[in-house]
Amino acid sequence: MRILFIFFALTFSAFTFAYPIEKSIGFGLGYTWTESVFNDQVIYYNDASETPSYTDVTNSSQPFSFYSNFRFHKYYGVELGYMNYGKINFDKSLIKTQNNPAPNTSGLIESRVRDAAISISGFYLSHVLYIPVSDAIQLQAKAGVIIGNSEYSDLGTLTIEAQGPDTSQQVIPSVNASSEAFAKAHLAAAIRYLSSTNTAWRLQLSQIEISHDGEQEIFTQWFTQLSYEIKL
């Protein structure tokens, strides 16, 4: 509820100003990288323990954004746009072993391997503070809210091995997918270069954090983008 209140406050605050002295549209491409926090503790059961491990946390797909700027003052404006942070790919293994099986009986080993992906995108609205450095260069500090969804997909296999006199193996494939809506505070910083009277280039860094509660995973994704703007 608090996030929604901030969103509406940001939306309607723009209309308290006079007609924008400057309007522009822009499109940006860039690069993302990810910091990840996983639930990597060994979990103990009555007769078994489960050990997780993670590998190959990478970013794939091309992140992008498009937006409109409404500048009401030399030092202040509002930006409305859409941002796609790209996709995070990673592998996770969970190995569950039976502790101290009874004599002359088989111990069980369960191995669950996930090939997972998370994609993050949404619409955002931000206050923009302009800090002139020179006639052609400006710094921008942004604070607002982004409303979107995170798409989660998981291709996995569960392998159950029985060890002992009766050795056997069972492989079970699985497919999981989910989508979760979110509304989050959104921060960004940028440097803007006016290449001509009606065009500009912008280099921006933004950040978002997404949690996957089902697997107790947290992803902090950074997006560095180079954008081209055209004054309307």
Foldseek 3Di string as FASTA:
>chain_A
DVLVVQQVCLVCVQVVADAFPWKKKKKKWFDKDKDKDFPQDWADDPFKIKGKDKDDWGFDDIWMKIWMWGHRDPFKTKIKIKTKQGKIWIKMKIWMWTHPDDPQFWTKIKIKIKTKMKIDMFIWMWIWTWADPDPFKIKIKIKTKTKDKMKMKIWMKIKMFIDHPDTDIDIDIDIDIDMGIDMGMWIKIKMKGHPDPFKIKIWMKIWDKDADVVRGMIMIMITTIIMMMGID
